[in-house]
C-alpha atoms as a PDB file:
ATOM      1  CA  MET A   1    -133.880-216.230 -63.280  1.00  0.00           C
ATOM      2  CA  GLN A   2    -135.931-214.728 -66.081  1.00  0.00           C
ATOM      3  CA  ASN A   3    -133.446-213.706 -68.781  1.00  0.00           C
ATOM      4  CA  VAL A   4    -130.311-215.474 -70.007  1.00  0.00           C
ATOM      5  CA  ALA A   5    -127.595-214.233 -72.348  1.00  0.00           C
ATOM      6  CA  ILE A   6    -125.417-216.858 -74.035  1.00  0.00           C
ATOM      7  CA  VAL A   7    -122.235-215.293 -75.397  1.00  0.00           C
ATOM      8  CA  GLY A   8    -120.928-217.754 -77.947  1.00  0.00           C
ATOM      9  CA  THR A   9    -123.644-219.922 -79.501  1.00  0.00           C
ATOM     10  CA  GLY A  10    -121.528-222.818 -80.722  1.00  0.00           C
ATOM     11  CA  LEU A  11    -121.753-226.395 -79.496  1.00  0.00           C
ATOM     12  CA  ILE A  12    -121.537-225.674 -75.753  1.00  0.00           C
ATOM     13  CA  GLY A  13    -123.538-222.445 -75.749  1.00  0.00           C
ATOM     14  CA  ALA A  14    -126.312-223.870 -77.898  1.00  0.00           C
ATOM     15  CA  SER A  15    -126.391-227.079 -75.858  1.00  0.00           C
ATOM     16  CA  PHE A  16    -126.745-224.929 -72.723  1.00  0.00           C
ATOM     17  CA  GLY A  17    -129.743-223.167 -74.258  1.00  0.00           C
ATOM     18  CA  LEU A  18    -131.319-226.456 -75.308  1.00  0.00           C
ATOM     19  CA  ALA A  19    -130.693-227.934 -71.855  1.00  0.00           C
ATOM     20  CA  LEU A  20    -132.410-224.937 -70.242  1.00  0.00           C
ATOM     21  CA  ARG A  21    -135.455-225.386 -72.446  1.00  0.00           C
ATOM     22  CA  GLN A  22    -135.615-229.125 -71.861  1.00  0.00           C
ATOM     23  CA  ALA A  23    -135.352-228.524 -68.095  1.00  0.00           C
ATOM     24  CA  GLY A  24    -138.358-226.204 -68.210  1.00  0.00           C
ATOM     25  CA  PHE A  25    -136.888-222.706 -68.476  1.00  0.00           C
ATOM     26  CA  ARG A  26    -139.547-220.359 -69.859  1.00  0.00           C
ATOM     27  CA  GLY A  27    -137.659-217.057 -69.862  1.00  0.00           C
ATOM     28  CA  ALA A  28    -135.906-215.293 -72.702  1.00  0.00           C
ATOM     29  CA  ILE A  29    -132.614-216.666 -74.072  1.00  0.00           C
ATOM     30  CA  VAL A  30    -130.632-214.194 -76.176  1.00  0.00           C
ATOM     31  CA  GLY A  31    -127.463-215.121 -78.052  1.00  0.00           C
ATOM     32  CA  VAL A  32    -124.361-213.107 -78.860  1.00  0.00           C
ATOM     33  CA  SER A  33    -122.279-214.488 -81.710  1.00  0.00           C
ATOM     34  CA  SER A  34    -121.631-214.172 -85.430  1.00  0.00           C
ATOM     35  CA  PRO A  35    -124.687-213.871 -87.702  1.00  0.00           C
ATOM     36  CA  ARG A  36    -124.169-217.405 -88.990  1.00  0.00           C
ATOM     37  CA  ALA A  37    -123.853-218.877 -85.495  1.00  0.00           C
ATOM     38  CA  ILE A  38    -126.935-216.981 -84.340  1.00  0.00           C
ATOM     39  CA  ALA A  39    -128.939-218.297 -87.290  1.00  0.00           C
ATOM     40  CA  GLU A  40    -127.880-221.880 -86.510  1.00  0.00           C
ATOM     41  CA  ALA A  41    -128.722-221.497 -82.822  1.00  0.00           C
ATOM     42  CA  VAL A  42    -132.143-220.006 -83.560  1.00  0.00           C
ATOM     43  CA  ALA A  43    -132.844-222.824 -86.031  1.00  0.00           C
ATOM     44  CA  ALA A  44    -131.830-225.386 -83.406  1.00  0.00           C
ATOM     45  CA  GLY A  45    -134.181-223.810 -80.846  1.00  0.00           C
ATOM     46  CA  ALA A  46    -131.298-222.990 -78.490  1.00  0.00           C
ATOM     47  CA  ILE A  47    -131.929-219.231 -78.371  1.00  0.00           C
ATOM     48  CA  ASP A  48    -134.836-216.932 -79.132  1.00  0.00           C
ATOM     49  CA  ARG A  49    -132.862-214.294 -81.023  1.00  0.00           C
ATOM     50  CA  GLY A  50    -129.476-212.685 -81.384  1.00  0.00           C
ATOM     51  CA  ALA A  51    -128.371-209.272 -80.130  1.00  0.00           C
ATOM     52  CA  PRO A  52    -125.214-207.203 -79.597  1.00  0.00           C
ATOM     53  CA  LEU A  53    -123.413-207.837 -76.312  1.00  0.00           C
ATOM     54  CA  ALA A  54    -124.566-204.627 -74.612  1.00  0.00           C
ATOM     55  CA  GLU A  55    -128.202-205.276 -75.431  1.00  0.00           C
ATOM     56  CA  ALA A  56    -128.100-208.962 -74.530  1.00  0.00           C
ATOM     57  CA  VAL A  57    -126.548-208.576 -71.084  1.00  0.00           C
ATOM     58  CA  ALA A  58    -128.376-205.393 -70.031  1.00  0.00           C
ATOM     59  CA  THR A  59    -131.380-207.352 -68.747  1.00  0.00           C
ATOM     60  CA  ALA A  60    -129.745-210.770 -68.264  1.00  0.00           C
ATOM     61  CA  ASP A  61    -129.905-212.411 -64.849  1.00  0.00           C
ATOM     62  CA  LEU A  62    -127.380-214.998 -66.060  1.00  0.00           C
ATOM     63  CA  VAL A  63    -124.586-214.397 -68.572  1.00  0.00           C
ATOM     64  CA  PHE A  64    -123.038-217.620 -69.895  1.00  0.00           C
ATOM     65  CA  LEU A  65    -119.677-217.151 -71.661  1.00  0.00           C
ATOM     66  CA  SER A  66    -119.073-220.084 -73.981  1.00  0.00           C
ATOM     67  CA  GLN A  67    -116.551-218.734 -76.453  1.00  0.00           C
ATOM     68  CA  ALA A  68    -112.953-219.749 -77.051  1.00  0.00           C
ATOM     69  CA  ILE A  69    -110.797-218.794 -74.074  1.00  0.00           C
ATOM     70  CA  GLY A  70    -109.226-215.777 -75.735  1.00  0.00           C
ATOM     71  CA  ARG A  71    -112.669-214.439 -76.606  1.00  0.00           C
ATOM     72  CA  ILE A  72    -113.936-215.084 -73.077  1.00  0.00           C
ATOM     73  CA  LEU A  73    -111.046-213.033 -71.707  1.00  0.00           C
ATOM     74  CA  ASP A  74    -111.775-210.216 -74.149  1.00  0.00           C
ATOM     75  CA  THR A  75    -115.481-210.237 -73.264  1.00  0.00           C
ATOM     76  CA  ILE A  76    -114.731-210.106 -69.546  1.00  0.00           C
ATOM     77  CA  ARG A  77    -112.559-207.012 -70.076  1.00  0.00           C
ATOM     78  CA  HIS A  78    -115.569-205.139 -71.503  1.00  0.00           C
ATOM     79  CA  LEU A  79    -118.428-206.718 -69.550  1.00  0.00           C
ATOM     80  CA  ASP A  80    -118.760-205.007 -66.195  1.00  0.00           C
ATOM     81  CA  PRO A  81    -120.308-201.654 -67.227  1.00  0.00           C
ATOM     82  CA  LEU A  82    -122.854-203.508 -69.356  1.00  0.00           C
ATOM     83  CA  LEU A  83    -124.121-205.857 -66.636  1.00  0.00           C
ATOM     84  CA  LYS A  84    -127.444-205.736 -64.879  1.00  0.00           C
ATOM     85  CA  PRO A  85    -126.561-205.160 -61.203  1.00  0.00           C
ATOM     86  CA  GLY A  86    -126.510-208.450 -59.331  1.00  0.00           C
ATOM     87  CA  ALA A  87    -126.294-210.613 -62.453  1.00  0.00           C
ATOM     88  CA  LEU A  88    -124.381-213.882 -62.323  1.00  0.00           C
ATOM     89  CA  VAL A  89    -121.647-214.329 -64.906  1.00  0.00           C
ATOM     90  CA  THR A  90    -120.255-217.785 -65.510  1.00  0.00           C
ATOM     91  CA  ASP A  91    -118.196-219.405 -68.228  1.00  0.00           C
ATOM     92  CA  ALA A  92    -117.391-222.700 -69.910  1.00  0.00           C
ATOM     93  CA  GLY A  93    -113.665-222.183 -70.395  1.00  0.00           C
ATOM     94  CA  SER A  94    -111.472-225.278 -70.411  1.00  0.00           C
ATOM     95  CA  THR A  95    -108.818-223.535 -68.323  1.00  0.00           C
ATOM     96  CA  LYS A  96    -109.673-221.448 -65.325  1.00  0.00           C
ATOM     97  CA  CYS A  97    -106.894-219.471 -63.647  1.00  0.00           C
ATOM     98  CA  GLU A  98    -106.479-216.689 -66.209  1.00  0.00           C
ATOM     99  CA  ILE A  99    -110.238-216.306 -66.578  1.00  0.00           C
ATOM    100  CA  VAL A 100    -110.948-216.285 -62.838  1.00  0.00           C
ATOM    101  CA  ASP A 101    -108.086-213.879 -62.104  1.00  0.00           C
ATOM    102  CA  LEU A 102    -109.255-211.406 -64.742  1.00  0.00           C
ATOM    103  CA  ALA A 103    -112.899-211.621 -63.683  1.00  0.00           C
ATOM    104  CA  ARG A 104    -111.918-211.051 -60.045  1.00  0.00           C
ATOM    105  CA  GLN A 105    -110.186-207.819 -61.067  1.00  0.00           C
ATOM    106  CA  THR A 106    -112.830-206.438 -63.445  1.00  0.00           C
ATOM    107  CA  ILE A 107    -116.344-207.637 -62.556  1.00  0.00           C
ATOM    108  CA  THR A 108    -117.874-205.640 -59.699  1.00  0.00           C
ATOM    109  CA  ARG A 109    -121.520-205.011 -60.696  1.00  0.00           C
ATOM    110  CA  GLY A 110    -122.359-208.712 -60.655  1.00  0.00           C
ATOM    111  CA  GLN A 111    -120.999-212.019 -59.404  1.00  0.00           C
ATOM    112  CA  PHE A 112    -118.553-214.162 -61.352  1.00  0.00           C
ATOM    113  CA  LEU A 113    -118.467-217.932 -60.887  1.00  0.00           C
ATOM    114  CA  GLY A 114    -115.930-219.838 -62.944  1.00  0.00           C
ATOM    115  CA  GLY A 115    -117.154-223.041 -64.548  1.00  0.00           C
ATOM    116  CA  HIS A 116    -116.155-225.839 -66.888  1.00  0.00           C
ATOM    117  CA  PRO A 117    -118.646-228.402 -68.189  1.00  0.00           C
ATOM    118  CA  MET A 118    -116.631-231.520 -68.978  1.00  0.00           C
ATOM    119  CA  ALA A 119    -118.582-232.317 -72.108  1.00  0.00           C
ATOM    120  CA  GLY A 120    -118.115-231.818 -75.803  1.00  0.00           C
ATOM    121  CA  LYS A 121    -117.731-233.333 -79.241  1.00  0.00           C
ATOM    122  CA  GLU A 122    -115.272-233.215 -82.083  1.00  0.00           C
ATOM    123  CA  LYS A 123    -117.968-231.460 -84.146  1.00  0.00           C
ATOM    124  CA  ARG A 124    -118.579-227.774 -83.577  1.00  0.00           C
ATOM    125  CA  GLY A 125    -121.523-225.427 -83.958  1.00  0.00           C
ATOM    126  CA  ALA A 126    -125.137-225.264 -82.882  1.00  0.00           C
ATOM    127  CA  SER A 127    -126.134-227.868 -85.458  1.00  0.00           C
ATOM    128  CA  ALA A 128    -124.290-230.458 -83.329  1.00  0.00           C
ATOM    129  CA  ALA A 129    -125.789-229.228 -80.037  1.00  0.00           C
ATOM    130  CA  GLU A 130    -127.742-231.565 -77.745  1.00  0.00           C
ATOM    131  CA  ALA A 131    -130.002-230.836 -74.794  1.00  0.00           C
ATOM    132  CA  GLY A 132    -128.571-233.900 -73.035  1.00  0.00           C
ATOM    133  CA  LEU A 133    -124.911-233.044 -73.620  1.00  0.00           C
ATOM    134  CA  PHE A 134    -124.295-232.326 -69.913  1.00  0.00           C
ATOM    135  CA  ARG A 135    -126.312-235.210 -68.455  1.00  0.00           C
ATOM    136  CA  GLY A 136    -124.088-237.419 -66.334  1.00  0.00           C
ATOM    137  CA  ARG A 137    -121.092-235.184 -67.041  1.00  0.00           C
ATOM    138  CA  THR A 138    -118.975-233.345 -64.514  1.00  0.00           C
ATOM    139  CA  TRP A 139    -119.500-229.584 -64.305  1.00  0.00           C
ATOM    140  CA  VAL A 140    -116.587-228.016 -62.408  1.00  0.00           C
ATOM    141  CA  LEU A 141    -117.112-224.781 -60.471  1.00  0.00           C
ATOM    142  CA  THR A 142    -114.122-222.714 -59.304  1.00  0.00           C
ATOM    143  CA  PRO A 143    -115.204-220.163 -56.676  1.00  0.00           C
ATOM    144  CA  ASP A 144    -112.615-218.407 -54.540  1.00  0.00           C
ATOM    145  CA  ASP A 145    -114.793-218.855 -51.457  1.00  0.00           C
ATOM    146  CA  ALA A 146    -117.198-221.745 -52.030  1.00  0.00           C
ATOM    147  CA  ALA A 147    -119.179-221.263 -48.817  1.00  0.00           C
ATOM    148  CA  ALA A 148    -120.007-217.660 -49.682  1.00  0.00           C
ATOM    149  CA  GLU A 149    -120.140-217.662 -53.474  1.00  0.00           C
ATOM    150  CA  LEU A 150    -122.258-220.762 -53.929  1.00  0.00           C
ATOM    151  CA  ALA A 151    -124.778-219.546 -51.348  1.00  0.00           C
ATOM    152  CA  THR A 152    -125.901-216.372 -53.142  1.00  0.00           C
ATOM    153  CA  PRO A 153    -129.463-216.453 -54.565  1.00  0.00           C
ATOM    154  CA  ALA A 154    -128.144-216.166 -58.126  1.00  0.00           C
ATOM    155  CA  ALA A 155    -125.667-218.999 -57.647  1.00  0.00           C
ATOM    156  CA  ARG A 156    -128.231-221.261 -55.957  1.00  0.00           C
ATOM    157  CA  ASP A 157    -130.623-220.701 -58.862  1.00  0.00           C
ATOM    158  CA  PHE A 158    -127.902-221.523 -61.396  1.00  0.00           C
ATOM    159  CA  LEU A 159    -126.858-224.663 -59.520  1.00  0.00           C
ATOM    160  CA  ALA A 160    -130.478-225.799 -59.410  1.00  0.00           C
ATOM    161  CA  TRP A 161    -130.662-225.589 -63.209  1.00  0.00           C
ATOM    162  CA  LEU A 162    -127.423-227.558 -63.550  1.00  0.00           C
ATOM    163  CA  GLY A 163    -128.989-230.194 -61.314  1.00  0.00           C
ATOM    164  CA  ARG A 164    -131.979-230.349 -63.647  1.00  0.00           C
ATOM    165  CA  PHE A 165    -129.563-230.853 -66.541  1.00  0.00           C
ATOM    166  CA  GLY A 166    -128.291-233.985 -64.786  1.00  0.00           C
ATOM    167  CA  ALA A 167    -124.765-232.570 -64.446  1.00  0.00           C
ATOM    168  CA  ARG A 168    -122.491-233.771 -61.628  1.00  0.00           C
ATOM    169  CA  LEU A 169    -121.174-230.727 -59.760  1.00  0.00           C
ATOM    170  CA  VAL A 170    -117.573-230.604 -58.535  1.00  0.00           C
ATOM    171  CA  THR A 171    -115.945-227.635 -56.779  1.00  0.00           C
ATOM    172  CA  LEU A 172    -112.204-227.061 -57.208  1.00  0.00           C
ATOM    173  CA  ASP A 173    -109.609-224.361 -56.767  1.00  0.00           C
ATOM    174  CA  CYS A 174    -108.848-222.937 -60.210  1.00  0.00           C
ATOM    175  CA  ASP A 175    -105.188-224.034 -60.154  1.00  0.00           C
ATOM    176  CA  GLN A 176    -106.170-227.515 -59.005  1.00  0.00           C
ATOM    177  CA  HIS A 177    -108.636-227.635 -61.896  1.00  0.00           C
ATOM    178  CA  ASP A 178    -105.991-226.608 -64.420  1.00  0.00           C
ATOM    179  CA  GLN A 179    -103.535-229.173 -63.078  1.00  0.00           C
ATOM    180  CA  LEU A 180    -106.091-231.985 -63.239  1.00  0.00           C
ATOM    181  CA  VAL A 181    -107.414-231.217 -66.721  1.00  0.00           C
ATOM    182  CA  ALA A 182    -103.849-231.026 -68.022  1.00  0.00           C
ATOM    183  CA  MET A 183    -103.679-234.753 -67.211  1.00  0.00           C
ATOM    184  CA  THR A 184    -107.241-235.864 -67.954  1.00  0.00           C
ATOM    185  CA  SER A 185    -108.142-233.689 -70.955  1.00  0.00           C
ATOM    186  CA  HIS A 186    -105.236-231.813 -72.482  1.00  0.00           C
ATOM    187  CA  LEU A 187    -102.743-234.700 -72.410  1.00  0.00           C
ATOM    188  CA  PRO A 188    -105.213-237.113 -74.098  1.00  0.00           C
ATOM    189  CA  GLN A 189    -105.801-234.550 -76.856  1.00  0.00           C
ATOM    190  CA  LEU A 190    -102.091-234.111 -77.529  1.00  0.00           C
ATOM    191  CA  ALA A 191    -101.462-237.864 -77.338  1.00  0.00           C
ATOM    192  CA  SER A 192    -104.183-238.477 -79.915  1.00  0.00           C
ATOM    193  CA  THR A 193    -102.927-235.692 -82.165  1.00  0.00           C
ATOM    194  CA  ALA A 194     -99.346-236.963 -81.893  1.00  0.00           C
ATOM    195  CA  LEU A 195    -100.387-240.514 -82.783  1.00  0.00           C
ATOM    196  CA  ALA A 196    -102.382-239.372 -85.812  1.00  0.00           C
ATOM    197  CA  ALA A 197     -99.563-237.090 -86.958  1.00  0.00           C
ATOM    198  CA  THR A 198     -97.073-239.949 -86.550  1.00  0.00           C
ATOM    199  CA  LEU A 199     -99.253-242.151 -88.732  1.00  0.00           C
ATOM    200  CA  ALA A 200     -99.439-239.385 -91.316  1.00  0.00           C
ATOM    201  CA  ASP A 201     -95.642-239.046 -91.261  1.00  0.00           C
ATOM    202  CA  ARG A 202     -94.677-242.722 -91.173  1.00  0.00           C
ATOM    203  CA  LEU A 203     -97.269-244.679 -93.108  1.00  0.00           C
ATOM    204  CA  PRO A 204     -96.064-245.151 -96.683  1.00  0.00           C
ATOM    205  CA  ALA A 205     -97.818-243.208 -99.401  1.00  0.00           C
ATOM    206  CA  GLY A 206    -100.876-245.101-100.605  1.00  0.00           C
ATOM    207  CA  ALA A 207    -100.934-247.272 -97.471  1.00  0.00           C
ATOM    208  CA  GLN A 208    -104.086-249.337 -97.087  1.00  0.00           C
ATOM    209  CA  LEU A 209    -105.738-247.560 -94.176  1.00  0.00           C
ATOM    210  CA  GLU A 210    -108.476-250.176 -94.082  1.00  0.00           C
ATOM    211  CA  VAL A 211    -105.903-252.412 -92.414  1.00  0.00           C
ATOM    212  CA  ALA A 212    -106.172-250.149 -89.353  1.00  0.00           C
ATOM    213  CA  GLY A 213    -108.202-251.718 -86.565  1.00  0.00           C
ATOM    214  CA  PRO A 214    -110.679-250.176 -84.104  1.00  0.00           C
ATOM    215  CA  GLY A 215    -107.849-249.361 -81.703  1.00  0.00           C
ATOM    216  CA  VAL A 216    -106.488-246.732 -84.091  1.00  0.00           C
ATOM    217  CA  LEU A 217    -109.970-245.313 -84.582  1.00  0.00           C
ATOM    218  CA  ASP A 218    -110.468-245.054 -80.819  1.00  0.00           C
ATOM    219  CA  MET A 219    -107.048-243.538 -80.201  1.00  0.00           C
ATOM    220  CA  THR A 220    -107.278-240.933 -82.982  1.00  0.00           C
ATOM    221  CA  ARG A 221    -110.840-239.754 -82.294  1.00  0.00           C
ATOM    222  CA  LEU A 222    -109.629-236.648 -80.469  1.00  0.00           C
ATOM    223  CA  ALA A 223    -107.271-235.827 -83.334  1.00  0.00           C
ATOM    224  CA  LEU A 224    -110.381-234.684 -85.223  1.00  0.00           C
ATOM    225  CA  SER A 225    -110.557-231.665 -82.899  1.00  0.00           C
ATOM    226  CA  SER A 226    -109.766-228.211 -84.263  1.00  0.00           C
ATOM    227  CA  TYR A 227    -106.531-226.406 -83.463  1.00  0.00           C
ATOM    228  CA  ASP A 228    -108.511-223.146 -83.399  1.00  0.00           C
ATOM    229  CA  LEU A 229    -110.349-224.501 -80.356  1.00  0.00           C
ATOM    230  CA  TRP A 230    -107.225-225.827 -78.647  1.00  0.00           C
ATOM    231  CA  ARG A 231    -104.803-222.969 -79.294  1.00  0.00           C
ATOM    232  CA  ASP A 232    -105.998-220.874 -76.335  1.00  0.00           C
ATOM    233  CA  ILE A 233    -106.319-223.913 -74.056  1.00  0.00           C
ATOM    234  CA  LEU A 234    -102.687-224.865 -74.627  1.00  0.00           C
ATOM    235  CA  ALA A 235    -101.476-221.274 -74.252  1.00  0.00           C
ATOM    236  CA  THR A 236    -103.295-220.647 -70.950  1.00  0.00           C
ATOM    237  CA  ASN A 237    -102.268-223.920 -69.276  1.00  0.00           C
ATOM    238  CA  ALA A 238     -98.800-224.416 -70.738  1.00  0.00           C
ATOM    239  CA  ASP A 239     -96.922-225.079 -67.476  1.00  0.00           C
ATOM    240  CA  HIS A 240     -99.246-227.837 -66.280  1.00  0.00           C
ATOM    241  CA  ILE A 241     -99.426-229.355 -69.771  1.00  0.00           C
ATOM    242  CA  ASP A 242     -95.635-229.321 -70.040  1.00  0.00           C
ATOM    243  CA  ARG A 243     -95.385-231.341 -66.826  1.00  0.00           C
ATOM    244  CA  ALA A 244     -98.090-233.747 -67.983  1.00  0.00           C
ATOM    245  CA  LEU A 245     -96.275-234.338 -71.263  1.00  0.00           C
ATOM    246  CA  GLY A 246     -93.078-234.955 -69.317  1.00  0.00           C
ATOM    247  CA  PHE A 247     -94.759-237.676 -67.247  1.00  0.00           C
ATOM    248  CA  TYR A 248     -96.216-239.257 -70.388  1.00  0.00           C
ATOM    249  CA  ILE A 249     -92.919-239.195 -72.296  1.00  0.00           C
ATOM    250  CA  GLN A 250     -91.213-240.764 -69.291  1.00  0.00           C
ATOM    251  CA  LYS A 251     -93.790-243.565 -69.289  1.00  0.00           C
ATOM    252  CA  LEU A 252     -93.401-244.141 -73.031  1.00  0.00           C
ATOM    253  CA  GLU A 253     -89.627-244.367 -72.604  1.00  0.00           C
ATOM    254  CA  HIS A 254     -90.141-246.933 -69.829  1.00  0.00           C
ATOM    255  CA  LEU A 255     -92.375-248.980 -72.132  1.00  0.00           C
ATOM    256  CA  ARG A 256     -89.828-248.818 -74.936  1.00  0.00           C
ATOM    257  CA  GLU A 257     -87.009-249.917 -72.645  1.00  0.00           C
ATOM    258  CA  ASN A 258     -88.984-252.938 -71.459  1.00  0.00           C
ATOM    259  CA  LEU A 259     -90.522-254.304 -74.652  1.00  0.00           C
ATOM    260  CA  ARG A 260     -88.684-257.596 -74.079  1.00  0.00           C
ATOM    261  CA  THR A 261     -89.186-257.858 -70.326  1.00  0.00           C
ATOM    262  CA  ARG A 262     -92.083-258.805 -68.085  1.00  0.00           C
ATOM    263  CA  GLN A 263     -92.149-255.363 -66.468  1.00  0.00           C
ATOM    264  CA  LEU A 264     -94.813-254.350 -68.965  1.00  0.00           C
ATOM    265  CA  GLN A 265     -97.208-256.798 -67.323  1.00  0.00           C
ATOM    266  CA  ALA A 266     -97.459-254.453 -64.339  1.00  0.00           C
ATOM    267  CA  GLU A 267     -98.041-251.444 -66.622  1.00  0.00           C
ATOM    268  CA  PHE A 268    -100.824-253.285 -68.459  1.00  0.00           C
ATOM    269  CA  ALA A 269    -102.441-254.166 -65.129  1.00  0.00           C
ATOM    270  CA  ARG A 270    -102.233-250.599 -63.785  1.00  0.00           C
ATOM    271  CA  GLY A 271    -103.513-249.179 -67.055  1.00  0.00           C
ATOM    272  CA  ALA A 272    -106.422-251.602 -67.199  1.00  0.00           C
ATOM    273  CA  ALA A 273    -107.369-250.842 -63.578  1.00  0.00           C
ATOM    274  CA  ILE A 274    -107.717-247.107 -64.110  1.00  0.00           C
ATOM    275  CA  ALA A 275    -109.407-247.603 -67.491  1.00  0.00           C
ATOM    276  CA  SER A 276    -112.031-249.724 -65.696  1.00  0.00           C
ATOM    277  CA  LYS A 277    -112.532-247.031 -63.047  1.00  0.00           C
ATOM    278  CA  LEU A 278    -113.005-244.360 -65.716  1.00  0.00           C
ATOM    279  CA  ARG A 279    -115.762-246.499 -67.208  1.00  0.00           C
ATOM    280  CA  GLY A 280    -117.414-247.096 -63.852  1.00  0.00           C
ATOM    281  CA  GLU A 281    -116.661-250.806 -63.909  1.00  0.00           C
END
């Protein structure tokens, strides 16, 4: 792999460029984004320069799509005739089925390998990027045929770089991925947003917010995320998210019905057990 094109040089795209450099990549890294985003990514050292899409991908051995989901889909629709034959195209979309299905239909000159690095921040843009953003984090891959698609020279090279990043690789079917992240990523975001919005609605005007403890700060951290980022995620995984919200609402109703009973002791125990597992305890 000698040349890389990063399409979308925000937090994830710029962090990918920085991670490549930190891992020892010496080839060219070209970015495709708005002039402001390109300037930030160049200043951060994540890319060498910016270029239009056709120019950037013409010589790229790896094309990394790290835009919002709607933009990824639009790029995929126009990408195939621009690709260097044999190039690997991968993405960082937070939902996978629509992206993988479209890529399967339209990309023929190169190989497409769906991906989702489970890393991020509430802050956006290359100025918040980190070379170590993916270290210790899960990076999901969603091939149709793992045995064949992960064994190509281009895919093996890409996976080797992810290993140098310190990412933990997981292979899933795209629908299985979307079902799981509805529970582990999309539901937490909506729960945090709903809590923060409830506070905004129900706290009296002029309420002393300094009375809020660290629990509220922890629980509302995700509410700092931008709707612009989440709009496409919610739209492209609505069925799985709807089911996840149904399970969560059912659990909240159970908690409300048992505020005066000892049944909540079991819920506290189950919740604490999985919280410990998530923290590796």
